[in-house]
Amino acid sequence: MRTKNLKIRYITDKKGNKKEVVLPIKDFNELIDDLEDLSVIQQRKNERIIKHEDVVKILKINVSL
């Protein structure tokens, strides 16, 4: 989700300082999903990477067994 597309409203104090944010639930849920995705990416950053073609080979071998 691009942040410039968010429909954000701010709740301010009497001096105009931003204190809280109000946004549509759909936008909130998308932000939460994005945060969860980033968390998974962070957790998996050190995992071994297997090329797609190698995965296909492994699957073909396992299917033929």
Protein backbone atom coordinates (compact mmCIF):
# COMPACT_ATOMS: atom_id res chain seq x y z
CA MET A 1 0.00 0.00 0.00
CA ARG A 2 1.32 3.42 -0.89
CA THR A 3 1.06 5.84 2.01
CA LYS A 4 0.16 8.75 -0.24
CA ASN A 5 -3.07 6.88 -1.09
CA LEU A 6 -4.16 6.71 2.55
CA LYS A 7 -7.16 8.76 3.63
CA ILE A 8 -5.68 9.88 6.93
CA ARG A 9 -7.36 12.28 9.33
CA TYR A 10 -5.62 13.64 12.38
CA ILE A 11 -7.01 14.46 15.79
CA THR A 12 -5.21 17.48 17.18
CA ASP A 13 -5.00 19.18 20.53
CA LYS A 14 -5.99 22.80 21.11
CA LYS A 15 -2.55 23.93 19.90
CA GLY A 16 -2.89 22.02 16.63
CA ASN A 17 -0.42 19.28 17.55
CA LYS A 18 -1.28 15.94 15.98
CA LYS A 19 -2.20 13.47 18.71
CA GLU A 20 -4.05 10.62 16.99
CA VAL A 21 -4.74 9.23 13.54
CA VAL A 22 -8.06 8.15 12.07
CA LEU A 23 -8.16 6.07 8.91
CA PRO A 24 -10.65 3.78 7.18
CA ILE A 25 -10.66 0.21 8.50
CA LYS A 26 -9.75 -1.11 5.04
CA ASP A 27 -6.58 1.01 5.02
CA PHE A 28 -5.79 -0.04 8.59
CA ASN A 29 -6.16 -3.73 7.70
CA GLU A 30 -3.93 -3.32 4.65
CA LEU A 31 -1.26 -1.65 6.79
CA ILE A 32 -1.44 -4.49 9.31
CA ASP A 33 -1.11 -7.04 6.49
CA ASP A 34 1.92 -5.16 5.16
CA LEU A 35 3.52 -5.14 8.62
CA GLU A 36 2.94 -8.87 8.98
CA ASP A 37 4.51 -9.46 5.56
CA LEU A 38 7.55 -7.39 6.54
CA SER A 39 7.86 -9.39 9.74
CA VAL A 40 7.92 -12.66 7.79
CA ILE A 41 10.51 -11.23 5.40
CA GLN A 42 12.69 -10.23 8.35
CA GLN A 43 12.37 -13.67 9.94
CA ARG A 44 13.29 -15.42 6.70
CA LYS A 45 16.11 -13.16 5.55
CA ASN A 46 18.79 -15.73 6.41
CA GLU A 47 17.03 -18.74 4.90
CA ARG A 48 18.66 -20.58 2.06
CA ILE A 49 17.36 -19.58 -1.36
CA ILE A 50 16.48 -22.36 -3.81
CA LYS A 51 16.20 -21.53 -7.49
CA HIS A 52 12.81 -22.16 -9.07
CA GLU A 53 14.27 -24.59 -11.59
CA ASP A 54 15.82 -26.62 -8.75
CA VAL A 55 12.48 -26.78 -6.94
CA VAL A 56 10.84 -28.03 -10.14
CA LYS A 57 13.51 -30.75 -10.46
CA ILE A 58 13.00 -31.81 -6.84
CA LEU A 59 9.24 -31.96 -7.30
CA LYS A 60 9.55 -34.03 -10.46
CA ILE A 61 11.82 -36.50 -8.70
CA ASN A 62 9.46 -36.78 -5.72
CA VAL A 63 6.37 -37.21 -7.91
CA SER A 64 7.97 -40.01 -9.87
CA LEU A 65 8.80 -41.97 -6.72
